[in-house]
Amino acid sequence: MLTATLRREPPAELESHLAGLRDVDDHALQVLEAVDTLREVAGTLHQTYAAVVAERTNEVVRVLTLFTAAFMPITFVAGVYGMNFVGMPELGWRWGYLAAWAVMATIAAVTLLWFRRRRWL
């Protein structure tokens, strides 16, 4: 409104205040530019924060995925040996229980070693 008033021919009663009105208009424009600059800075800070949070979330998801991939085969072996039936010859072996543990530990070690070689862990 102030800018529109200054662009037109001012009324006679405003002639004496014209310099002051121009000064107020300049200050208002400076404040608007400062607000725009601060809005851009706030937007940039928000985007940076969102990127940091996303990076942290990605790291957590990566670790959880690696652990899941390492323990899923072990869970399968434990599920198979946890079934109640007699047709498995290794259930009657003296060292069958330890052999199942050895198989599960070997699977976990091989999986973790593979992750380490690929530099995922």
PDB file of N, CA and C in Angstrom:
ATOM      1  N   MET A   1       0.816  -1.170   0.000  1.00  0.00           N
ATOM      2  CA  MET A   1       0.000   0.000   0.000  1.00  0.00           C
ATOM      3  C   MET A   1       0.874   1.253   0.000  1.00  0.00           C
ATOM      4  N   LEU A   2       1.942   1.178   0.772  1.00  0.00           N
ATOM      5  CA  LEU A   2       2.858   2.327   0.848  1.00  0.00           C
ATOM      6  C   LEU A   2       3.531   2.557  -0.491  1.00  0.00           C
ATOM      7  N   THR A   3       3.963   1.486  -1.145  1.00  0.00           N
ATOM      8  CA  THR A   3       4.613   1.614  -2.448  1.00  0.00           C
ATOM      9  C   THR A   3       3.639   2.169  -3.478  1.00  0.00           C
ATOM     10  N   ALA A   4       2.412   1.703  -3.450  1.00  0.00           N
ATOM     11  CA  ALA A   4       1.395   2.204  -4.387  1.00  0.00           C
ATOM     12  C   ALA A   4       1.144   3.684  -4.166  1.00  0.00           C
ATOM     13  N   THR A   5       1.122   4.115  -2.924  1.00  0.00           N
ATOM     14  CA  THR A   5       0.913   5.541  -2.614  1.00  0.00           C
ATOM     15  C   THR A   5       2.071   6.371  -3.132  1.00  0.00           C
ATOM     16  N   LEU A   6       3.304   5.863  -3.004  1.00  0.00           N
ATOM     17  CA  LEU A   6       4.477   6.626  -3.445  1.00  0.00           C
ATOM     18  C   LEU A   6       4.590   6.665  -4.963  1.00  0.00           C
ATOM     19  N   ARG A   7       4.062   5.704  -5.673  1.00  0.00           N
ATOM     20  CA  ARG A   7       4.149   5.681  -7.136  1.00  0.00           C
ATOM     21  C   ARG A   7       3.206   6.698  -7.772  1.00  0.00           C
ATOM     22  N   ARG A   8       2.062   6.865  -7.165  1.00  0.00           N
ATOM     23  CA  ARG A   8       1.110   7.849  -7.712  1.00  0.00           C
ATOM     24  C   ARG A   8       1.489   9.246  -7.261  1.00  0.00           C
ATOM     25  N   GLU A   9       0.794  10.152  -7.803  1.00  0.00           N
ATOM     26  CA  GLU A   9       0.964  11.545  -7.360  1.00  0.00           C
ATOM     27  C   GLU A   9       0.353  11.660  -5.974  1.00  0.00           C
ATOM     28  N   PRO A  10       1.193  11.948  -4.958  1.00  0.00           N
ATOM     29  CA  PRO A  10       0.672  11.978  -3.594  1.00  0.00           C
ATOM     30  C   PRO A  10      -0.280  13.160  -3.385  1.00  0.00           C
ATOM     31  N   PRO A  11      -1.243  12.978  -2.513  1.00  0.00           N
ATOM     32  CA  PRO A  11      -2.127  14.104  -2.180  1.00  0.00           C
ATOM     33  C   PRO A  11      -1.327  15.232  -1.535  1.00  0.00           C
ATOM     34  N   ALA A  12      -1.879  16.400  -1.561  1.00  0.00           N
ATOM     35  CA  ALA A  12      -1.175  17.588  -1.052  1.00  0.00           C
ATOM     36  C   ALA A  12      -0.862  17.470   0.427  1.00  0.00           C
ATOM     37  N   GLU A  13      -1.744  16.817   1.197  1.00  0.00           N
ATOM     38  CA  GLU A  13      -1.489  16.736   2.634  1.00  0.00           C
ATOM     39  C   GLU A  13      -0.328  15.790   2.960  1.00  0.00           C
ATOM     40  N   LEU A  14       0.073  14.925   2.003  1.00  0.00           N
ATOM     41  CA  LEU A  14       1.187  14.000   2.238  1.00  0.00           C
ATOM     42  C   LEU A  14       2.519  14.537   1.724  1.00  0.00           C
ATOM     43  N   GLU A  15       2.531  15.658   1.013  1.00  0.00           N
ATOM     44  CA  GLU A  15       3.768  16.222   0.445  1.00  0.00           C
ATOM     45  C   GLU A  15       4.846  16.420   1.500  1.00  0.00           C
ATOM     46  N   SER A  16       4.459  16.903   2.662  1.00  0.00           N
ATOM     47  CA  SER A  16       5.452  17.196   3.703  1.00  0.00           C
ATOM     48  C   SER A  16       6.032  15.906   4.304  1.00  0.00           C
ATOM     49  N   HIS A  17       5.313  14.802   4.197  1.00  0.00           N
ATOM     50  CA  HIS A  17       5.758  13.533   4.792  1.00  0.00           C
ATOM     51  C   HIS A  17       6.329  12.558   3.759  1.00  0.00           C
ATOM     52  N   LEU A  18       6.498  13.008   2.533  1.00  0.00           N
ATOM     53  CA  LEU A  18       6.908  12.128   1.449  1.00  0.00           C
ATOM     54  C   LEU A  18       8.292  11.508   1.695  1.00  0.00           C
ATOM     55  N   ALA A  19       9.243  12.268   2.175  1.00  0.00           N
ATOM     56  CA  ALA A  19      10.594  11.749   2.434  1.00  0.00           C
ATOM     57  C   ALA A  19      10.549  10.673   3.517  1.00  0.00           C
ATOM     58  N   GLY A  20       9.771  10.915   4.550  1.00  0.00           N
ATOM     59  CA  GLY A  20       9.642   9.930   5.622  1.00  0.00           C
ATOM     60  C   GLY A  20       8.969   8.653   5.134  1.00  0.00           C
ATOM     61  N   LEU A  21       7.957   8.812   4.266  1.00  0.00           N
ATOM     62  CA  LEU A  21       7.271   7.643   3.721  1.00  0.00           C
ATOM     63  C   LEU A  21       8.197   6.822   2.836  1.00  0.00           C
ATOM     64  N   ARG A  22       9.048   7.490   2.055  1.00  0.00           N
ATOM     65  CA  ARG A  22      10.022   6.771   1.221  1.00  0.00           C
ATOM     66  C   ARG A  22      11.008   6.004   2.102  1.00  0.00           C
ATOM     67  N   ASP A  23      11.413   6.633   3.195  1.00  0.00           N
ATOM     68  CA  ASP A  23      12.331   5.967   4.126  1.00  0.00           C
ATOM     69  C   ASP A  23      11.664   4.729   4.745  1.00  0.00           C
ATOM     70  N   VAL A  24      10.420   4.847   5.136  1.00  0.00           N
ATOM     71  CA  VAL A  24       9.681   3.710   5.692  1.00  0.00           C
ATOM     72  C   VAL A  24       9.545   2.616   4.638  1.00  0.00           C
ATOM     73  N   ASP A  25       9.295   3.008   3.384  1.00  0.00           N
ATOM     74  CA  ASP A  25       9.184   2.039   2.293  1.00  0.00           C
ATOM     75  C   ASP A  25      10.500   1.296   2.092  1.00  0.00           C
ATOM     76  N   ASP A  26      11.617   2.015   2.127  1.00  0.00           N
ATOM     77  CA  ASP A  26      12.931   1.361   1.994  1.00  0.00           C
ATOM     78  C   ASP A  26      13.182   0.371   3.135  1.00  0.00           C
ATOM     79  N   HIS A  27      12.843   0.764   4.349  1.00  0.00           N
ATOM     80  CA  HIS A  27      13.027  -0.131   5.500  1.00  0.00           C
ATOM     81  C   HIS A  27      12.134  -1.369   5.378  1.00  0.00           C
ATOM     82  N   ALA A  28      10.917  -1.180   4.918  1.00  0.00           N
ATOM     83  CA  ALA A  28      10.006  -2.318   4.753  1.00  0.00           C
ATOM     84  C   ALA A  28      10.557  -3.278   3.702  1.00  0.00           C
ATOM     85  N   LEU A  29      11.113  -2.764   2.607  1.00  0.00           N
ATOM     86  CA  LEU A  29      11.709  -3.623   1.585  1.00  0.00           C
ATOM     87  C   LEU A  29      12.925  -4.373   2.121  1.00  0.00           C
ATOM     88  N   GLN A  30      13.734  -3.701   2.939  1.00  0.00           N
ATOM     89  CA  GLN A  30      14.890  -4.365   3.540  1.00  0.00           C
ATOM     90  C   GLN A  30      14.453  -5.496   4.476  1.00  0.00           C
ATOM     91  N   VAL A  31      13.409  -5.249   5.250  1.00  0.00           N
ATOM     92  CA  VAL A  31      12.895  -6.279   6.158  1.00  0.00           C
ATOM     93  C   VAL A  31      12.360  -7.465   5.350  1.00  0.00           C
ATOM     94  N   LEU A  32      11.638  -7.202   4.263  1.00  0.00           N
ATOM     95  CA  LEU A  32      11.122  -8.281   3.425  1.00  0.00           C
ATOM     96  C   LEU A  32      12.247  -9.103   2.808  1.00  0.00           C
ATOM     97  N   GLU A  33      13.302  -8.440   2.360  1.00  0.00           N
ATOM     98  CA  GLU A  33      14.448  -9.168   1.809  1.00  0.00           C
ATOM     99  C   GLU A  33      15.129 -10.011   2.883  1.00  0.00           C
ATOM    100  N   ALA A  34      15.244  -9.454   4.092  1.00  0.00           N
ATOM    101  CA  ALA A  34      15.847 -10.217   5.192  1.00  0.00           C
ATOM    102  C   ALA A  34      14.995 -11.425   5.546  1.00  0.00           C
ATOM    103  N   VAL A  35      13.679 -11.272   5.534  1.00  0.00           N
ATOM    104  CA  VAL A  35      12.780 -12.385   5.822  1.00  0.00           C
ATOM    105  C   VAL A  35      12.919 -13.462   4.750  1.00  0.00           C
ATOM    106  N   ASP A  36      12.996 -13.056   3.485  1.00  0.00           N
ATOM    107  CA  ASP A  36      13.176 -14.032   2.402  1.00  0.00           C
ATOM    108  C   ASP A  36      14.495 -14.782   2.553  1.00  0.00           C
ATOM    109  N   THR A  37      15.551 -14.065   2.901  1.00  0.00           N
ATOM    110  CA  THR A  37      16.854 -14.698   3.099  1.00  0.00           C
ATOM    111  C   THR A  37      16.795 -15.700   4.260  1.00  0.00           C
ATOM    112  N   LEU A  38      16.176 -15.286   5.357  1.00  0.00           N
ATOM    113  CA  LEU A  38      16.061 -16.188   6.507  1.00  0.00           C
ATOM    114  C   LEU A  38      15.192 -17.396   6.184  1.00  0.00           C
ATOM    115  N   ARG A  39      14.165 -17.219   5.360  1.00  0.00           N
ATOM    116  CA  ARG A  39      13.329 -18.349   4.961  1.00  0.00           C
ATOM    117  C   ARG A  39      14.145 -19.344   4.144  1.00  0.00           C
ATOM    118  N   GLU A  40      14.988 -18.837   3.253  1.00  0.00           N
ATOM    119  CA  GLU A  40      15.845 -19.725   2.462  1.00  0.00           C
ATOM    120  C   GLU A  40      16.844 -20.460   3.353  1.00  0.00           C
ATOM    121  N   VAL A  41      17.428 -19.749   4.313  1.00  0.00           N
ATOM    122  CA  VAL A  41      18.377 -20.377   5.241  1.00  0.00           C
ATOM    123  C   VAL A  41      17.671 -21.458   6.060  1.00  0.00           C
ATOM    124  N   ALA A  42      16.462 -21.149   6.540  1.00  0.00           N
ATOM    125  CA  ALA A  42      15.711 -22.142   7.314  1.00  0.00           C
ATOM    126  C   ALA A  42      15.378 -23.360   6.459  1.00  0.00           C
ATOM    127  N   GLY A  43      15.027 -23.140   5.206  1.00  0.00           N
ATOM    128  CA  GLY A  43      14.754 -24.266   4.307  1.00  0.00           C
ATOM    129  C   GLY A  43      15.982 -25.125   4.094  1.00  0.00           C
ATOM    130  N   THR A  44      17.128 -24.487   3.913  1.00  0.00           N
ATOM    131  CA  THR A  44      18.384 -25.220   3.735  1.00  0.00           C
ATOM    132  C   THR A  44      18.739 -26.014   4.989  1.00  0.00           C
ATOM    133  N   LEU A  45      18.567 -25.387   6.159  1.00  0.00           N
ATOM    134  CA  LEU A  45      18.841 -26.092   7.421  1.00  0.00           C
ATOM    135  C   LEU A  45      17.908 -27.282   7.594  1.00  0.00           C
ATOM    136  N   HIS A  46      16.657 -27.113   7.228  1.00  0.00           N
ATOM    137  CA  HIS A  46      15.696 -28.209   7.333  1.00  0.00           C
ATOM    138  C   HIS A  46      16.082 -29.363   6.404  1.00  0.00           C
ATOM    139  N   GLN A  47      16.482 -29.044   5.190  1.00  0.00           N
ATOM    140  CA  GLN A  47      16.903 -30.088   4.254  1.00  0.00           C
ATOM    141  C   GLN A  47      18.160 -30.807   4.753  1.00  0.00           C
ATOM    142  N   THR A  48      19.096 -30.057   5.318  1.00  0.00           N
ATOM    143  CA  THR A  48      20.317 -30.659   5.859  1.00  0.00           C
ATOM    144  C   THR A  48      19.989 -31.592   7.021  1.00  0.00           C
ATOM    145  N   TYR A  49      19.118 -31.147   7.907  1.00  0.00           N
ATOM    146  CA  TYR A  49      18.715 -31.975   9.040  1.00  0.00           C
ATOM    147  C   TYR A  49      18.018 -33.246   8.554  1.00  0.00           C
ATOM    148  N   ALA A  50      17.134 -33.105   7.569  1.00  0.00           N
ATOM    149  CA  ALA A  50      16.435 -34.280   7.030  1.00  0.00           C
ATOM    150  C   ALA A  50      17.424 -35.258   6.401  1.00  0.00           C
ATOM    151  N   ALA A  51      18.452 -34.744   5.737  1.00  0.00           N
ATOM    152  CA  ALA A  51      19.461 -35.613   5.132  1.00  0.00           C
ATOM    153  C   ALA A  51      20.260 -36.360   6.207  1.00  0.00           C
ATOM    154  N   VAL A  52      20.585 -35.680   7.299  1.00  0.00           N
ATOM    155  CA  VAL A  52      21.329 -36.330   8.388  1.00  0.00           C
ATOM    156  C   VAL A  52      20.474 -37.417   9.039  1.00  0.00           C
ATOM    157  N   VAL A  53      19.202 -37.129   9.266  1.00  0.00           N
ATOM    158  CA  VAL A  53      18.301 -38.123   9.857  1.00  0.00           C
ATOM    159  C   VAL A  53      18.147 -39.317   8.923  1.00  0.00           C
ATOM    160  N   ALA A  54      18.017 -39.049   7.631  1.00  0.00           N
ATOM    161  CA  ALA A  54      17.881 -40.137   6.654  1.00  0.00           C
ATOM    162  C   ALA A  54      19.145 -40.991   6.616  1.00  0.00           C
ATOM    163  N   GLU A  55      20.303 -40.358   6.705  1.00  0.00           N
ATOM    164  CA  GLU A  55      21.566 -41.098   6.707  1.00  0.00           C
ATOM    165  C   GLU A  55      21.664 -42.000   7.936  1.00  0.00           C
ATOM    166  N   ARG A  56      21.266 -41.462   9.091  1.00  0.00           N
ATOM    167  CA  ARG A  56      21.292 -42.250  10.324  1.00  0.00           C
ATOM    168  C   ARG A  56      20.313 -43.427  10.220  1.00  0.00           C
ATOM    169  N   THR A  57      19.140 -43.172   9.677  1.00  0.00           N
ATOM    170  CA  THR A  57      18.155 -44.233   9.501  1.00  0.00           C
ATOM    171  C   THR A  57      18.672 -45.302   8.544  1.00  0.00           C
ATOM    172  N   ASN A  58      19.312 -44.872   7.467  1.00  0.00           N
ATOM    173  CA  ASN A  58      19.886 -45.828   6.514  1.00  0.00           C
ATOM    174  C   ASN A  58      20.939 -46.710   7.173  1.00  0.00           C
ATOM    175  N   GLU A  59      21.738 -46.140   8.042  1.00  0.00           N
ATOM    176  CA  GLU A  59      22.772 -46.913   8.739  1.00  0.00           C
ATOM    177  C   GLU A  59      22.134 -47.958   9.654  1.00  0.00           C
ATOM    178  N   VAL A  60      21.094 -47.566  10.382  1.00  0.00           N
ATOM    179  CA  VAL A  60      20.409 -48.505  11.273  1.00  0.00           C
ATOM    180  C   VAL A  60      19.771 -49.629  10.463  1.00  0.00           C
ATOM    181  N   VAL A  61      19.115 -49.277   9.367  1.00  0.00           N
ATOM    182  CA  VAL A  61      18.469 -50.291   8.528  1.00  0.00           C
ATOM    183  C   VAL A  61      19.510 -51.229   7.925  1.00  0.00           C
ATOM    184  N   ARG A  62      20.667 -50.708   7.538  1.00  0.00           N
ATOM    185  CA  ARG A  62      21.732 -51.550   6.984  1.00  0.00           C
ATOM    186  C   ARG A  62      22.202 -52.568   8.009  1.00  0.00           C
ATOM    187  N   VAL A  63      22.434 -52.117   9.241  1.00  0.00           N
ATOM    188  CA  VAL A  63      22.897 -53.032  10.288  1.00  0.00           C
ATOM    189  C   VAL A  63      21.836 -54.089  10.581  1.00  0.00           C
ATOM    190  N   LEU A  64      20.584 -53.669  10.677  1.00  0.00           N
ATOM    191  CA  LEU A  64      19.517 -54.640  10.931  1.00  0.00           C
ATOM    192  C   LEU A  64      19.389 -55.636   9.784  1.00  0.00           C
ATOM    193  N   THR A  65      19.563 -55.186   8.560  1.00  0.00           N
ATOM    194  CA  THR A  65      19.496 -56.085   7.406  1.00  0.00           C
ATOM    195  C   THR A  65      20.636 -57.090   7.435  1.00  0.00           C
ATOM    196  N   LEU A  66      21.839 -56.637   7.790  1.00  0.00           N
ATOM    197  CA  LEU A  66      22.976 -57.555   7.869  1.00  0.00           C
ATOM    198  C   LEU A  66      22.754 -58.618   8.938  1.00  0.00           C
ATOM    199  N   PHE A  67      22.253 -58.204  10.111  1.00  0.00           N
ATOM    200  CA  PHE A  67      21.988 -59.180  11.163  1.00  0.00           C
ATOM    201  C   PHE A  67      20.892 -60.156  10.742  1.00  0.00           C
ATOM    202  N   THR A  68      19.870 -59.650  10.087  1.00  0.00           N
ATOM    203  CA  THR A  68      18.801 -60.530   9.616  1.00  0.00           C
ATOM    204  C   THR A  68      19.336 -61.534   8.607  1.00  0.00           C
ATOM    205  N   ALA A  69      20.147 -61.054   7.681  1.00  0.00           N
ATOM    206  CA  ALA A  69      20.709 -61.958   6.670  1.00  0.00           C
ATOM    207  C   ALA A  69      21.644 -62.984   7.300  1.00  0.00           C
ATOM    208  N   ALA A  70      22.329 -62.614   8.378  1.00  0.00           N
ATOM    209  CA  ALA A  70      23.240 -63.550   9.032  1.00  0.00           C
ATOM    210  C   ALA A  70      22.484 -64.598   9.843  1.00  0.00           C
ATOM    211  N   PHE A  71      21.390 -64.215  10.480  1.00  0.00           N
ATOM    212  CA  PHE A  71      20.684 -65.139  11.369  1.00  0.00           C
ATOM    213  C   PHE A  71      19.540 -65.882  10.698  1.00  0.00           C
ATOM    214  N   MET A  72      19.127 -65.508   9.516  1.00  0.00           N
ATOM    215  CA  MET A  72      18.031 -66.209   8.852  1.00  0.00           C
ATOM    216  C   MET A  72      18.377 -67.669   8.532  1.00  0.00           C
ATOM    217  N   PRO A  73      19.558 -67.971   7.978  1.00  0.00           N
ATOM    218  CA  PRO A  73      19.885 -69.388   7.749  1.00  0.00           C
ATOM    219  C   PRO A  73      19.958 -70.198   9.043  1.00  0.00           C
ATOM    220  N   ILE A  74      20.456 -69.564  10.100  1.00  0.00           N
ATOM    221  CA  ILE A  74      20.536 -70.249  11.388  1.00  0.00           C
ATOM    222  C   ILE A  74      19.133 -70.557  11.897  1.00  0.00           C
ATOM    223  N   THR A  75      18.220 -69.625  11.729  1.00  0.00           N
ATOM    224  CA  THR A  75      16.835 -69.845  12.134  1.00  0.00           C
ATOM    225  C   THR A  75      16.215 -71.001  11.356  1.00  0.00           C
ATOM    226  N   PHE A  76      16.552 -71.089  10.075  1.00  0.00           N
ATOM    227  CA  PHE A  76      16.052 -72.197   9.264  1.00  0.00           C
ATOM    228  C   PHE A  76      16.559 -73.538   9.793  1.00  0.00           C
ATOM    229  N   VAL A  77      17.844 -73.626  10.072  1.00  0.00           N
ATOM    230  CA  VAL A  77      18.417 -74.875  10.583  1.00  0.00           C
ATOM    231  C   VAL A  77      17.787 -75.227  11.932  1.00  0.00           C
ATOM    232  N   ALA A  78      17.648 -74.240  12.798  1.00  0.00           N
ATOM    233  CA  ALA A  78      17.030 -74.498  14.097  1.00  0.00           C
ATOM    234  C   ALA A  78      15.578 -74.927  13.930  1.00  0.00           C
ATOM    235  N   GLY A  79      14.876 -74.363  12.962  1.00  0.00           N
ATOM    236  CA  GLY A  79      13.490 -74.761  12.715  1.00  0.00           C
ATOM    237  C   GLY A  79      13.382 -76.188  12.222  1.00  0.00           C
ATOM    238  N   VAL A  80      14.291 -76.587  11.356  1.00  0.00           N
ATOM    239  CA  VAL A  80      14.265 -77.964  10.846  1.00  0.00           C
ATOM    240  C   VAL A  80      14.563 -78.939  11.970  1.00  0.00           C
ATOM    241  N   TYR A  81      15.575 -78.667  12.772  1.00  0.00           N
ATOM    242  CA  TYR A  81      15.924 -79.580  13.855  1.00  0.00           C
ATOM    243  C   TYR A  81      14.976 -79.467  15.039  1.00  0.00           C
ATOM    244  N   GLY A  82      14.128 -78.462  15.051  1.00  0.00           N
ATOM    245  CA  GLY A  82      13.165 -78.323  16.132  1.00  0.00           C
ATOM    246  C   GLY A  82      11.886 -79.098  15.870  1.00  0.00           C
ATOM    247  N   MET A  83      11.740 -79.699  14.677  1.00  0.00           N
ATOM    248  CA  MET A  83      10.541 -80.484  14.373  1.00  0.00           C
ATOM    249  C   MET A  83      10.579 -81.804  15.139  1.00  0.00           C
ATOM    250  N   ASN A  84       9.416 -82.246  15.495  1.00  0.00           N
ATOM    251  CA  ASN A  84       9.325 -83.489  16.280  1.00  0.00           C
ATOM    252  C   ASN A  84       9.012 -84.671  15.366  1.00  0.00           C
ATOM    253  N   PHE A  85      10.039 -85.266  14.812  1.00  0.00           N
ATOM    254  CA  PHE A  85       9.866 -86.520  14.078  1.00  0.00           C
ATOM    255  C   PHE A  85      11.141 -87.324  14.196  1.00  0.00           C
ATOM    256  N   VAL A  86      11.033 -88.612  13.947  1.00  0.00           N
ATOM    257  CA  VAL A  86      12.134 -89.513  14.228  1.00  0.00           C
ATOM    258  C   VAL A  86      12.922 -89.879  12.979  1.00  0.00           C
ATOM    259  N   GLY A  87      12.522 -89.449  11.815  1.00  0.00           N
ATOM    260  CA  GLY A  87      13.145 -89.905  10.584  1.00  0.00           C
ATOM    261  C   GLY A  87      14.505 -89.322  10.299  1.00  0.00           C
ATOM    262  N   MET A  88      15.010 -88.473  11.133  1.00  0.00           N
ATOM    263  CA  MET A  88      16.314 -87.868  10.883  1.00  0.00           C
ATOM    264  C   MET A  88      17.381 -88.691  11.599  1.00  0.00           C
ATOM    265  N   PRO A  89      18.299 -89.301  10.854  1.00  0.00           N
ATOM    266  CA  PRO A  89      19.295 -90.162  11.505  1.00  0.00           C
ATOM    267  C   PRO A  89      20.195 -89.406  12.476  1.00  0.00           C
ATOM    268  N   GLU A  90      20.471 -88.138  12.194  1.00  0.00           N
ATOM    269  CA  GLU A  90      21.399 -87.412  13.074  1.00  0.00           C
ATOM    270  C   GLU A  90      20.811 -87.120  14.448  1.00  0.00           C
ATOM    271  N   LEU A  91      19.493 -87.305  14.603  1.00  0.00           N
ATOM    272  CA  LEU A  91      18.905 -87.125  15.929  1.00  0.00           C
ATOM    273  C   LEU A  91      19.334 -88.235  16.890  1.00  0.00           C
ATOM    274  N   GLY A  92      19.693 -89.384  16.341  1.00  0.00           N
ATOM    275  CA  GLY A  92      20.137 -90.495  17.178  1.00  0.00           C
ATOM    276  C   GLY A  92      21.631 -90.488  17.420  1.00  0.00           C
ATOM    277  N   TRP A  93      22.374 -89.659  16.717  1.00  0.00           N
ATOM    278  CA  TRP A  93      23.823 -89.614  16.907  1.00  0.00           C
ATOM    279  C   TRP A  93      24.159 -89.042  18.273  1.00  0.00           C
ATOM    280  N   ARG A  94      25.283 -89.478  18.773  1.00  0.00           N
ATOM    281  CA  ARG A  94      25.729 -88.968  20.062  1.00  0.00           C
ATOM    282  C   ARG A  94      26.106 -87.487  19.960  1.00  0.00           C
ATOM    283  N   TRP A  95      26.713 -87.096  18.843  1.00  0.00           N
ATOM    284  CA  TRP A  95      27.176 -85.724  18.670  1.00  0.00           C
ATOM    285  C   TRP A  95      26.249 -84.940  17.736  1.00  0.00           C
ATOM    286  N   GLY A  96      25.050 -85.379  17.530  1.00  0.00           N
ATOM    287  CA  GLY A  96      24.102 -84.721  16.625  1.00  0.00           C
ATOM    288  C   GLY A  96      23.768 -83.290  17.042  1.00  0.00           C
ATOM    289  N   TYR A  97      23.581 -83.076  18.352  1.00  0.00           N
ATOM    290  CA  TYR A  97      23.273 -81.738  18.863  1.00  0.00           C
ATOM    291  C   TYR A  97      24.426 -80.767  18.615  1.00  0.00           C
ATOM    292  N   LEU A  98      25.626 -81.220  18.924  1.00  0.00           N
ATOM    293  CA  LEU A  98      26.806 -80.371  18.693  1.00  0.00           C
ATOM    294  C   LEU A  98      27.045 -80.160  17.203  1.00  0.00           C
ATOM    295  N   ALA A  99      26.739 -81.175  16.385  1.00  0.00           N
ATOM    296  CA  ALA A  99      26.894 -81.019  14.934  1.00  0.00           C
ATOM    297  C   ALA A  99      25.946 -79.947  14.415  1.00  0.00           C
ATOM    298  N   ALA A 100      24.714 -79.918  14.923  1.00  0.00           N
ATOM    299  CA  ALA A 100      23.757 -78.877  14.506  1.00  0.00           C
ATOM    300  C   ALA A 100      24.277 -77.496  14.896  1.00  0.00           C
ATOM    301  N   TRP A 101      24.823 -77.373  16.104  1.00  0.00           N
ATOM    302  CA  TRP A 101      25.414 -76.102  16.524  1.00  0.00           C
ATOM    303  C   TRP A 101      26.604 -75.731  15.638  1.00  0.00           C
ATOM    304  N   ALA A 102      27.405 -76.689  15.283  1.00  0.00           N
ATOM    305  CA  ALA A 102      28.568 -76.424  14.432  1.00  0.00           C
ATOM    306  C   ALA A 102      28.123 -75.941  13.049  1.00  0.00           C
ATOM    307  N   VAL A 103      27.075 -76.584  12.521  1.00  0.00           N
ATOM    308  CA  VAL A 103      26.556 -76.154  11.218  1.00  0.00           C
ATOM    309  C   VAL A 103      26.051 -74.720  11.294  1.00  0.00           C
ATOM    310  N   MET A 104      25.301 -74.399  12.348  1.00  0.00           N
ATOM    311  CA  MET A 104      24.766 -73.038  12.497  1.00  0.00           C
ATOM    312  C   MET A 104      25.884 -72.015  12.683  1.00  0.00           C
ATOM    313  N   ALA A 105      26.891 -72.339  13.487  1.00  0.00           N
ATOM    314  CA  ALA A 105      28.015 -71.421  13.695  1.00  0.00           C
ATOM    315  C   ALA A 105      28.803 -71.232  12.405  1.00  0.00           C
ATOM    316  N   THR A 106      28.964 -72.301  11.635  1.00  0.00           N
ATOM    317  CA  THR A 106      29.682 -72.193  10.357  1.00  0.00           C
ATOM    318  C   THR A 106      28.923 -71.311   9.382  1.00  0.00           C
ATOM    319  N   ILE A 107      27.606 -71.489   9.318  1.00  0.00           N
ATOM    320  CA  ILE A 107      26.795 -70.649   8.431  1.00  0.00           C
ATOM    321  C   ILE A 107      26.921 -69.183   8.825  1.00  0.00           C
ATOM    322  N   ALA A 108      26.840 -68.890  10.120  1.00  0.00           N
ATOM    323  CA  ALA A 108      26.955 -67.504  10.585  1.00  0.00           C
ATOM    324  C   ALA A 108      28.335 -66.931  10.278  1.00  0.00           C
ATOM    325  N   ALA A 109      29.380 -67.715  10.518  1.00  0.00           N
ATOM    326  CA  ALA A 109      30.748 -67.238  10.274  1.00  0.00           C
ATOM    327  C   ALA A 109      30.979 -66.981   8.788  1.00  0.00           C
ATOM    328  N   VAL A 110      30.506 -67.893   7.947  1.00  0.00           N
ATOM    329  CA  VAL A 110      30.683 -67.714   6.498  1.00  0.00           C
ATOM    330  C   VAL A 110      29.922 -66.480   6.020  1.00  0.00           C
ATOM    331  N   THR A 111      28.714 -66.297   6.518  1.00  0.00           N
ATOM    332  CA  THR A 111      27.925 -65.124   6.134  1.00  0.00           C
ATOM    333  C   THR A 111      28.617 -63.837   6.560  1.00  0.00           C
ATOM    334  N   LEU A 112      29.068 -63.769   7.801  1.00  0.00           N
ATOM    335  CA  LEU A 112      29.749 -62.571   8.287  1.00  0.00           C
ATOM    336  C   LEU A 112      31.061 -62.337   7.549  1.00  0.00           C
ATOM    337  N   LEU A 113      31.783 -63.409   7.242  1.00  0.00           N
ATOM    338  CA  LEU A 113      33.022 -63.272   6.476  1.00  0.00           C
ATOM    339  C   LEU A 113      32.740 -62.732   5.072  1.00  0.00           C
ATOM    340  N   TRP A 114      31.678 -63.223   4.458  1.00  0.00           N
ATOM    341  CA  TRP A 114      31.296 -62.736   3.124  1.00  0.00           C
ATOM    342  C   TRP A 114      30.939 -61.254   3.171  1.00  0.00           C
ATOM    343  N   PHE A 115      30.203 -60.837   4.228  1.00  0.00           N
ATOM    344  CA  PHE A 115      29.867 -59.415   4.387  1.00  0.00           C
ATOM    345  C   PHE A 115      31.130 -58.574   4.562  1.00  0.00           C
ATOM    346  N   ARG A 116      32.066 -59.091   5.349  1.00  0.00           N
ATOM    347  CA  ARG A 116      33.292 -58.333   5.597  1.00  0.00           C
ATOM    348  C   ARG A 116      34.128 -58.195   4.323  1.00  0.00           C
ATOM    349  N   ARG A 117      34.179 -59.242   3.522  1.00  0.00           N
ATOM    350  CA  ARG A 117      34.941 -59.178   2.268  1.00  0.00           C
ATOM    351  C   ARG A 117      34.324 -58.193   1.290  1.00  0.00           C
ATOM    352  N   ARG A 118      33.023 -58.068   1.317  1.00  0.00           N
ATOM    353  CA  ARG A 118      32.332 -57.124   0.440  1.00  0.00           C
ATOM    354  C   ARG A 118      32.312 -55.721   1.031  1.00  0.00           C
ATOM    355  N   ARG A 119      32.915 -55.574   2.219  1.00  0.00           N
ATOM    356  CA  ARG A 119      33.003 -54.315   2.958  1.00  0.00           C
ATOM    357  C   ARG A 119      31.623 -53.769   3.320  1.00  0.00           C
ATOM    358  N   TRP A 120      30.714 -54.679   3.663  1.00  0.00           N
ATOM    359  CA  TRP A 120      29.393 -54.288   4.119  1.00  0.00           C
ATOM    360  C   TRP A 120      29.357 -54.206   5.636  1.00  0.00           C
ATOM    361  N   LEU A 121      30.334 -54.814   6.265  1.00  0.00           N
ATOM    362  CA  LEU A 121      30.340 -54.872   7.723  1.00  0.00           C
ATOM    363  C   LEU A 121      31.642 -54.323   8.258  1.00  0.00           C
TER     364      LEU A 121
END
